[in-house]
Amino acid sequence: MSIPSGSRLSGLRLDLVVAAILLSDTLISGAAAAVGDGLAWYGWPLLAAGPLAFPLWRRYPRAVMLVSVGALVAVGHLQVGPLAAVPALVAIAVSMYRGHRRLTVSLVLLVSAVTMLGNWSAAGFHFTGAVMEQSMLVIGWLHVALISGESRRQRDAYMAEAEHTREEAVKRKAADERVRIARELHDSLTHSISVIRVQAGVALHLARKRGEEPPPALVAVEEAAKDATRELRETLTMLRDDEGHRLSRVEPLADRYRGLGFAIELECEIEETAAIDEEVDHAAYRIVQEALTNAVRHSAGDRVRVRVHHGEDALVVEVADNGRARDFAPGRGLTGMRERVDALGGTLDVGPGEYGFTVTARLPMPDPPAPAAAIPAQAAETGGTR
């Protein structure tokens, strides 16, 4: 039966449970000593000091270790039994795990020397088998705690490095695959599209040379070949260097559309060196590109306003044209925008605005806003498909 994730012990709750177990061990040890030869009144707070300090180990591991070991040394002459040493052993392992090796090793060596000296003094400064046995038992457990904390720290460091190595291998494999795809696209598509473009250009040139009006279909073929060549080149660039389209390239993008007779007003607050998530950066550029393409093809206007700026917690992209604002039908362009925005947890608003037909995308940076709004699916009777 699986345990719900919310019921698993972690963090402070786990620390409190461990502290309660340690406290019960020391109290049992104290009770056993009290039933036998009796226990001095100060023995109880010393036994409880280590367990009560344990919940603070995440913030103050060295202080917890010093308190626990100090309490153990203080009750050493009371003959409280081995369970009283458990909090100190746990604190030593925890301090070693947190990387405080110099202090922890020094403290363990000091306590080992004090233990040996105390047992030797109790035996009248005669080395006997009992002295060695009692001393080595305590010193051995101290070193076991020391080695346990260090081995766990080394294991976690190794696992973190292995995970990092695995992620790097996955990234390298993905990069190699992108290069392979780019190579295949270049070899298969670029050549064919270039041939189409050249043949269409030659046909147009011959028609004009003969004084004939070029067929509209042939003109459309040449324009489509130019667009396809440019888009394919940009896609190949994205696949090869994994940088994709950056918002710093919005100005050259707008210049290309200005060459088609559109007056484009551009306001981009995002600097080239701005720290922006790559996915948000790429999606914002693509939204501007698609919105400009829609404006050129379907708006029947002559002016476009592009604004890219930071909102309270999102990157806001707004593209508005002065063409038809009401009669439109969502096509593949708007559907692609919505998919990009939805994937990032943003919102997309499309429709009439103060300026005209307006596309407004809000891409979260970094906190995700509310789920993306659906694009109005109005059937266009006279407008084009955007």
Protein backbone atom coordinates (compact mmCIF):
# COMPACT_ATOMS: atom_id res chain seq x y z
CA MET A 1 0.00 0.00 0.00
CA SER A 2 1.41 3.36 -0.98
CA ILE A 3 1.74 6.14 1.59
CA PRO A 4 0.37 9.54 0.58
CA SER A 5 3.14 12.05 0.13
CA GLY A 6 1.53 14.43 2.62
CA SER A 7 1.78 11.79 5.40
CA ARG A 8 5.53 11.19 5.04
CA LEU A 9 7.72 12.57 7.78
CA SER A 10 10.17 15.22 6.68
CA GLY A 11 11.79 18.41 7.90
CA LEU A 12 10.88 19.57 11.38
CA ARG A 13 8.35 16.77 11.95
CA LEU A 14 11.03 14.16 11.33
CA ASP A 15 13.46 16.00 13.62
CA LEU A 16 10.89 16.07 16.42
CA VAL A 17 10.22 12.35 16.06
CA VAL A 18 13.96 11.57 16.20
CA ALA A 19 14.35 13.88 19.21
CA ALA A 20 11.50 12.07 20.97
CA ILE A 21 13.17 8.69 20.33
CA LEU A 22 16.51 9.96 21.61
CA LEU A 23 14.85 11.46 24.69
CA SER A 24 13.10 8.17 25.47
CA ASP A 25 16.44 6.33 25.20
CA THR A 26 18.20 8.66 27.63
CA LEU A 27 15.28 8.66 30.07
CA ILE A 28 15.19 4.87 30.05
CA SER A 29 18.92 4.84 30.73
CA GLY A 30 18.45 7.33 33.57
CA ALA A 31 15.57 5.33 35.04
CA ALA A 32 17.67 2.18 35.01
CA ALA A 33 20.47 4.02 36.83
CA ALA A 34 18.02 5.48 39.35
CA VAL A 35 16.62 2.03 40.18
CA GLY A 36 20.12 0.70 40.75
CA ASP A 37 22.58 2.96 42.52
CA GLY A 38 20.46 6.09 42.23
CA LEU A 39 20.84 9.12 39.98
CA ALA A 40 21.83 12.62 41.03
CA TRP A 41 19.27 15.33 40.42
CA TYR A 42 21.43 17.07 37.80
CA GLY A 43 21.62 13.87 35.80
CA TRP A 44 18.11 14.25 34.40
CA PRO A 45 18.58 17.67 32.71
CA LEU A 46 21.97 16.54 31.37
CA LEU A 47 20.39 13.42 29.87
CA ALA A 48 17.64 15.52 28.27
CA ALA A 49 19.93 18.28 26.94
CA GLY A 50 21.13 16.44 23.83
CA PRO A 51 17.72 15.19 22.60
CA LEU A 52 16.04 18.55 23.28
CA ALA A 53 18.70 20.37 21.24
CA PHE A 54 18.52 17.94 18.31
CA PRO A 55 15.67 19.70 16.37
CA LEU A 56 18.07 22.64 15.83
CA TRP A 57 20.66 20.56 13.98
CA ARG A 58 19.76 21.93 10.53
CA ARG A 59 20.63 25.50 11.52
CA TYR A 60 23.19 24.90 14.28
CA PRO A 61 24.80 21.46 13.79
CA ARG A 62 28.01 22.36 15.62
CA ALA A 63 26.18 23.79 18.63
CA VAL A 64 23.97 20.69 18.86
CA MET A 65 27.05 18.47 18.75
CA LEU A 66 28.83 20.45 21.46
CA VAL A 67 25.77 20.33 23.74
CA SER A 68 25.22 16.59 23.21
CA VAL A 69 28.86 15.60 23.66
CA GLY A 70 29.27 17.94 26.63
CA ALA A 71 26.23 16.41 28.32
CA LEU A 72 27.62 12.90 27.68
CA VAL A 73 30.96 13.79 29.24
CA ALA A 74 29.19 15.38 32.23
CA VAL A 75 27.13 12.25 33.02
CA GLY A 76 29.99 9.84 32.30
CA HIS A 77 30.73 9.28 36.01
CA LEU A 78 27.07 8.56 36.85
CA GLN A 79 27.11 5.11 35.23
CA VAL A 80 23.93 5.70 33.22
CA GLY A 81 24.61 3.02 30.59
CA PRO A 82 25.29 3.03 26.85
CA LEU A 83 21.90 4.42 25.75
CA ALA A 84 22.89 7.83 27.13
CA ALA A 85 25.58 8.08 24.43
CA VAL A 86 23.14 7.74 21.51
CA PRO A 87 22.29 11.50 21.19
CA ALA A 88 25.99 12.41 21.14
CA LEU A 89 26.74 9.78 18.49
CA VAL A 90 23.89 11.02 16.30
CA ALA A 91 25.05 14.64 16.73
CA ILE A 92 28.61 13.70 15.74
CA ALA A 93 27.39 11.93 12.59
CA VAL A 94 25.15 14.88 11.69
CA SER A 95 27.93 17.44 12.17
CA MET A 96 30.27 15.36 10.03
CA TYR A 97 27.56 15.05 7.38
CA ARG A 98 27.16 18.82 7.26
CA GLY A 99 30.86 19.18 6.47
CA HIS A 100 32.21 20.44 9.82
CA ARG A 101 35.01 17.90 9.72
CA ARG A 102 37.79 19.76 11.51
CA LEU A 103 35.74 20.56 14.62
CA THR A 104 34.09 17.15 14.70
CA VAL A 105 37.31 15.16 14.36
CA SER A 106 39.00 17.33 16.97
CA LEU A 107 36.14 16.84 19.39
CA VAL A 108 36.07 13.07 18.87
CA LEU A 109 39.81 12.82 19.49
CA LEU A 110 39.48 14.95 22.62
CA VAL A 111 36.61 12.86 24.00
CA SER A 112 38.51 9.67 23.16
CA ALA A 113 41.52 10.93 25.13
CA VAL A 114 39.32 11.99 28.06
CA THR A 115 37.60 8.59 28.05
CA MET A 116 40.89 6.72 28.06
CA LEU A 117 42.30 8.95 30.80
CA GLY A 118 39.15 8.62 32.92
CA ASN A 119 39.07 4.85 32.76
CA TRP A 120 42.80 4.67 33.43
CA SER A 121 42.40 6.96 36.45
CA ALA A 122 39.49 4.90 37.79
CA ALA A 123 41.68 1.76 37.65
CA GLY A 124 44.42 3.39 39.71
CA PHE A 125 46.48 4.21 36.61
CA HIS A 126 46.92 0.53 35.78
CA PHE A 127 46.30 -0.68 32.23
CA THR A 128 44.06 -3.67 32.58
CA GLY A 129 41.91 -5.60 30.18
CA ALA A 130 38.79 -3.96 31.60
CA VAL A 131 40.24 -0.47 31.08
CA MET A 132 41.08 -1.21 27.45
CA GLU A 133 37.72 -2.86 26.82
CA GLN A 134 35.68 -0.01 28.28
CA SER A 135 37.80 2.64 26.56
CA MET A 136 37.87 0.98 23.14
CA LEU A 137 34.10 0.42 23.25
CA VAL A 138 33.39 4.15 23.69
CA ILE A 139 36.16 5.26 21.31
CA GLY A 140 35.01 2.75 18.71
CA TRP A 141 31.42 4.00 18.73
CA LEU A 142 32.63 7.61 18.51
CA HIS A 143 34.65 6.77 15.41
CA VAL A 144 31.78 4.75 13.94
CA ALA A 145 29.56 7.85 14.20
CA LEU A 146 32.35 9.95 12.67
CA ILE A 147 32.83 7.60 9.72
CA SER A 148 29.08 7.15 9.22
CA GLY A 149 28.48 10.88 8.82
CA GLU A 150 31.40 11.28 6.42
CA SER A 151 30.44 8.25 4.33
CA ARG A 152 26.86 9.51 3.99
CA ARG A 153 28.12 12.93 2.97
CA GLN A 154 30.42 11.37 0.36
CA ARG A 155 27.59 9.17 -0.91
CA ASP A 156 25.20 12.11 -1.33
CA ALA A 157 27.93 14.12 -3.07
CA TYR A 158 28.58 11.20 -5.41
CA MET A 159 24.86 10.82 -6.18
CA ALA A 160 24.55 14.55 -6.88
CA GLU A 161 27.56 14.43 -9.20
CA ALA A 162 26.17 11.34 -10.93
CA GLU A 163 22.84 13.09 -11.46
CA HIS A 164 24.59 16.16 -12.82
CA THR A 165 26.67 13.98 -15.16
CA ARG A 166 23.53 12.21 -16.35
CA GLU A 167 21.81 15.52 -17.07
CA GLU A 168 24.85 16.75 -18.98
CA ALA A 169 24.89 13.54 -21.01
CA VAL A 170 21.21 13.98 -21.84
CA LYS A 171 21.85 17.58 -22.91
CA ARG A 172 24.78 16.54 -25.10
CA LYS A 173 22.69 13.81 -26.68
CA ALA A 174 19.87 16.28 -27.34
CA ALA A 175 22.34 18.75 -28.86
CA ASP A 176 23.77 16.04 -31.12
CA GLU A 177 20.26 15.09 -32.20
CA ARG A 178 19.44 18.73 -33.00
CA VAL A 179 22.56 18.99 -35.14
CA ARG A 180 21.63 15.78 -36.95
CA ILE A 181 18.10 17.05 -37.61
CA ALA A 182 19.48 20.39 -38.83
CA ARG A 183 21.84 18.58 -41.18
CA GLU A 184 19.03 16.43 -42.56
CA LEU A 185 16.75 19.44 -43.04
CA HIS A 186 19.49 21.36 -44.76
CA ASP A 187 20.35 18.52 -47.11
CA SER A 188 16.75 17.61 -47.97
CA LEU A 189 14.66 20.79 -47.85
CA THR A 190 16.96 23.73 -48.40
CA HIS A 191 18.16 22.48 -51.77
CA SER A 192 14.66 21.74 -53.05
CA ILE A 193 13.25 25.08 -51.89
CA SER A 194 16.20 26.92 -53.42
CA VAL A 195 15.59 25.19 -56.74
CA ILE A 196 11.90 26.20 -56.63
CA ARG A 197 12.81 29.78 -55.83
CA VAL A 198 15.40 29.99 -58.62
CA GLN A 199 13.08 28.44 -61.20
CA ALA A 200 10.23 30.78 -60.24
CA GLY A 201 12.57 33.76 -60.39
CA VAL A 202 13.80 32.79 -63.83
CA ALA A 203 10.23 32.36 -65.07
CA LEU A 204 9.26 35.79 -63.70
CA HIS A 205 12.33 37.39 -65.27
CA LEU A 206 11.59 35.89 -68.68
CA ALA A 207 7.95 36.96 -68.49
CA ARG A 208 8.88 40.56 -67.68
CA LYS A 209 11.58 40.53 -70.34
CA ARG A 210 8.94 39.63 -72.91
CA GLY A 211 6.74 42.46 -71.62
CA GLU A 212 4.15 40.08 -70.21
CA GLU A 213 2.40 40.31 -66.86
CA PRO A 214 3.68 37.49 -64.62
CA PRO A 215 0.96 35.08 -63.49
CA PRO A 216 -0.14 35.78 -59.87
CA ALA A 217 0.36 32.13 -58.99
CA LEU A 218 4.00 32.31 -60.08
CA VAL A 219 4.56 35.45 -58.03
CA ALA A 220 3.00 33.72 -55.03
CA VAL A 221 5.29 30.72 -55.52
CA GLU A 222 8.38 32.93 -55.50
CA GLU A 223 7.24 34.81 -52.36
CA ALA A 224 6.39 31.56 -50.59
CA ALA A 225 9.81 30.14 -51.49
CA LYS A 226 11.51 33.24 -50.07
CA ASP A 227 9.53 32.98 -46.82
CA ALA A 228 10.21 29.25 -46.56
CA THR A 229 13.93 29.76 -47.13
CA ARG A 230 14.13 32.44 -44.45
CA GLU A 231 12.09 30.41 -41.94
CA LEU A 232 14.13 27.29 -42.61
CA ARG A 233 17.38 29.18 -42.13
CA GLU A 234 16.18 30.56 -38.78
CA THR A 235 15.00 27.12 -37.69
CA LEU A 236 18.35 25.58 -38.59
CA THR A 237 20.12 28.30 -36.60
CA MET A 238 17.95 27.48 -33.60
CA LEU A 239 18.66 23.76 -33.90
CA ARG A 240 22.40 24.22 -34.26
CA ASP A 241 23.22 26.69 -31.49
CA ASP A 242 20.24 26.10 -29.16
CA GLU A 243 19.76 29.86 -28.82
CA GLY A 244 16.75 30.23 -31.05
CA HIS A 245 15.15 33.59 -31.71
CA ARG A 246 15.95 36.21 -29.14
CA LEU A 247 13.97 39.34 -28.36
CA SER A 248 17.10 41.30 -29.21
CA ARG A 249 16.36 40.37 -32.84
CA VAL A 250 12.90 41.95 -32.86
CA GLU A 251 14.18 45.12 -34.54
CA PRO A 252 15.62 43.27 -37.60
CA LEU A 253 12.38 41.28 -37.72
CA ALA A 254 10.33 44.47 -37.83
CA ASP A 255 12.60 45.88 -40.57
CA ARG A 256 11.76 42.96 -42.83
CA TYR A 257 8.06 43.71 -42.55
CA ARG A 258 8.60 47.44 -43.01
CA GLY A 259 10.00 46.53 -46.39
CA LEU A 260 6.55 45.21 -47.32
CA GLY A 261 4.99 48.65 -46.99
CA PHE A 262 3.88 48.52 -43.35
CA ALA A 263 4.62 51.28 -40.86
CA ILE A 264 5.69 49.42 -37.69
CA GLU A 265 5.97 51.15 -34.34
CA LEU A 266 8.25 49.11 -32.06
CA GLU A 267 8.72 49.48 -28.30
CA CYS A 268 10.86 46.76 -26.73
CA GLU A 269 12.02 47.25 -23.14
CA ILE A 270 13.99 43.99 -23.10
CA GLU A 271 17.71 44.60 -23.51
CA GLU A 272 20.01 42.13 -25.20
CA THR A 273 21.73 41.30 -21.90
CA ALA A 274 18.50 40.94 -19.92
CA ALA A 275 18.15 37.71 -17.93
CA ILE A 276 15.08 36.05 -19.43
CA ASP A 277 14.11 32.41 -19.44
CA GLU A 278 15.01 30.89 -22.80
CA GLU A 279 11.57 29.38 -23.38
CA VAL A 280 9.84 32.68 -22.58
CA ASP A 281 12.30 34.56 -24.80
CA HIS A 282 11.75 32.22 -27.73
CA ALA A 283 7.97 32.16 -27.31
CA ALA A 284 7.77 35.97 -27.17
CA TYR A 285 9.77 36.32 -30.37
CA ARG A 286 7.63 33.76 -32.18
CA ILE A 287 4.43 35.47 -31.06
CA VAL A 288 5.66 38.81 -32.45
CA GLN A 289 6.69 37.11 -35.68
CA GLU A 290 3.38 35.30 -36.16
CA ALA A 291 1.33 38.38 -35.26
CA LEU A 292 3.25 40.49 -37.78
CA THR A 293 2.74 37.83 -40.44
CA ASN A 294 -1.00 37.78 -39.73
CA ALA A 295 -1.14 41.56 -39.93
CA VAL A 296 0.59 41.60 -43.32
CA ARG A 297 -1.53 38.85 -44.78
CA HIS A 298 -4.99 39.42 -43.31
CA SER A 299 -5.41 42.82 -41.67
CA ALA A 300 -5.90 45.03 -44.77
CA GLY A 301 -4.26 47.80 -42.74
CA ASP A 302 -0.98 49.65 -43.07
CA ARG A 303 0.21 50.23 -39.48
CA VAL A 304 1.28 47.84 -36.72
CA ARG A 305 2.23 48.61 -33.14
CA VAL A 306 4.52 46.18 -31.28
CA ARG A 307 5.13 46.50 -27.56
CA VAL A 308 7.24 44.14 -25.40
CA HIS A 309 7.62 45.07 -21.74
CA HIS A 310 7.77 43.72 -18.21
CA GLY A 311 4.53 43.46 -16.26
CA GLU A 312 4.25 42.87 -12.53
CA ASP A 313 5.13 39.19 -12.79
CA ALA A 314 5.05 38.49 -16.52
CA LEU A 315 6.52 39.45 -19.86
CA VAL A 316 3.80 41.20 -21.88
CA VAL A 317 3.80 41.04 -25.67
CA GLU A 318 1.25 43.19 -27.53
CA VAL A 319 0.91 43.40 -31.31
CA ALA A 320 -1.92 45.52 -32.74
CA ASP A 321 -2.74 46.48 -36.32
CA ASN A 322 -5.22 49.03 -37.71
CA GLY A 323 -6.95 46.60 -40.03
CA ARG A 324 -10.03 44.43 -39.62
CA ALA A 325 -10.63 43.83 -35.94
CA ARG A 326 -13.93 41.92 -35.75
CA ASP A 327 -14.22 39.55 -38.67
CA PHE A 328 -11.57 36.88 -38.18
CA ALA A 329 -11.30 33.14 -37.68
CA PRO A 330 -8.53 31.48 -35.63
CA GLY A 331 -6.18 29.61 -37.95
CA ARG A 332 -2.94 27.77 -37.47
CA GLY A 333 -1.09 30.95 -36.53
CA LEU A 334 -3.31 31.84 -33.56
CA THR A 335 -3.52 28.18 -32.57
CA GLY A 336 0.28 27.99 -32.47
CA MET A 337 0.41 31.12 -30.30
CA ARG A 338 -2.10 29.66 -27.87
CA GLU A 339 -0.14 26.41 -27.62
CA ARG A 340 3.08 28.28 -26.85
CA VAL A 341 1.41 30.44 -24.21
CA ASP A 342 -0.44 27.51 -22.61
CA ALA A 343 2.79 25.53 -22.38
CA LEU A 344 4.31 28.32 -20.26
CA GLY A 345 1.19 28.83 -18.11
CA GLY A 346 0.42 32.26 -19.53
CA THR A 347 -2.62 33.97 -21.02
CA LEU A 348 -3.46 35.04 -24.56
CA ASP A 349 -6.09 37.60 -25.56
CA VAL A 350 -7.02 38.07 -29.22
CA GLY A 351 -9.58 40.41 -30.72
CA PRO A 352 -10.59 44.05 -31.09
CA GLY A 353 -8.64 46.60 -29.07
CA GLU A 354 -8.19 50.35 -28.82
CA TYR A 355 -5.77 50.39 -31.76
CA GLY A 356 -7.37 47.67 -33.88
CA PHE A 357 -6.93 43.92 -34.03
CA THR A 358 -4.79 43.16 -30.97
CA VAL A 359 -2.83 40.11 -29.82
CA THR A 360 -1.77 40.30 -26.15
CA ALA A 361 0.27 37.52 -24.56
CA ARG A 362 1.36 37.43 -20.92
CA LEU A 363 4.18 34.99 -20.23
CA PRO A 364 4.91 34.35 -16.53
CA MET A 365 8.33 35.29 -15.17
CA PRO A 366 8.76 33.42 -12.92
CA ASP A 367 5.50 32.75 -11.06
CA PRO A 368 2.81 31.14 -13.26
CA PRO A 369 -0.40 33.13 -13.46
CA ALA A 370 -3.91 31.82 -13.93
CA PRO A 371 -4.59 29.31 -16.74
CA ALA A 372 -4.53 30.72 -20.23
CA ALA A 373 -7.71 32.21 -21.61
CA ALA A 374 -9.24 30.60 -24.62
CA ILE A 375 -9.04 32.37 -27.96
CA PRO A 376 -12.45 33.50 -29.19
CA ALA A 377 -13.53 31.14 -31.94
CA GLN A 378 -15.63 33.50 -34.00
CA ALA A 379 -16.43 32.38 -37.49
CA ALA A 380 -15.33 34.92 -40.06
CA GLU A 381 -17.76 35.67 -42.79
CA THR A 382 -15.62 38.12 -44.72
CA GLY A 383 -12.24 38.20 -42.88
CA GLY A 384 -9.21 36.03 -43.45
CA THR A 385 -7.83 33.20 -41.30
CA ARG A 386 -5.17 34.36 -38.86
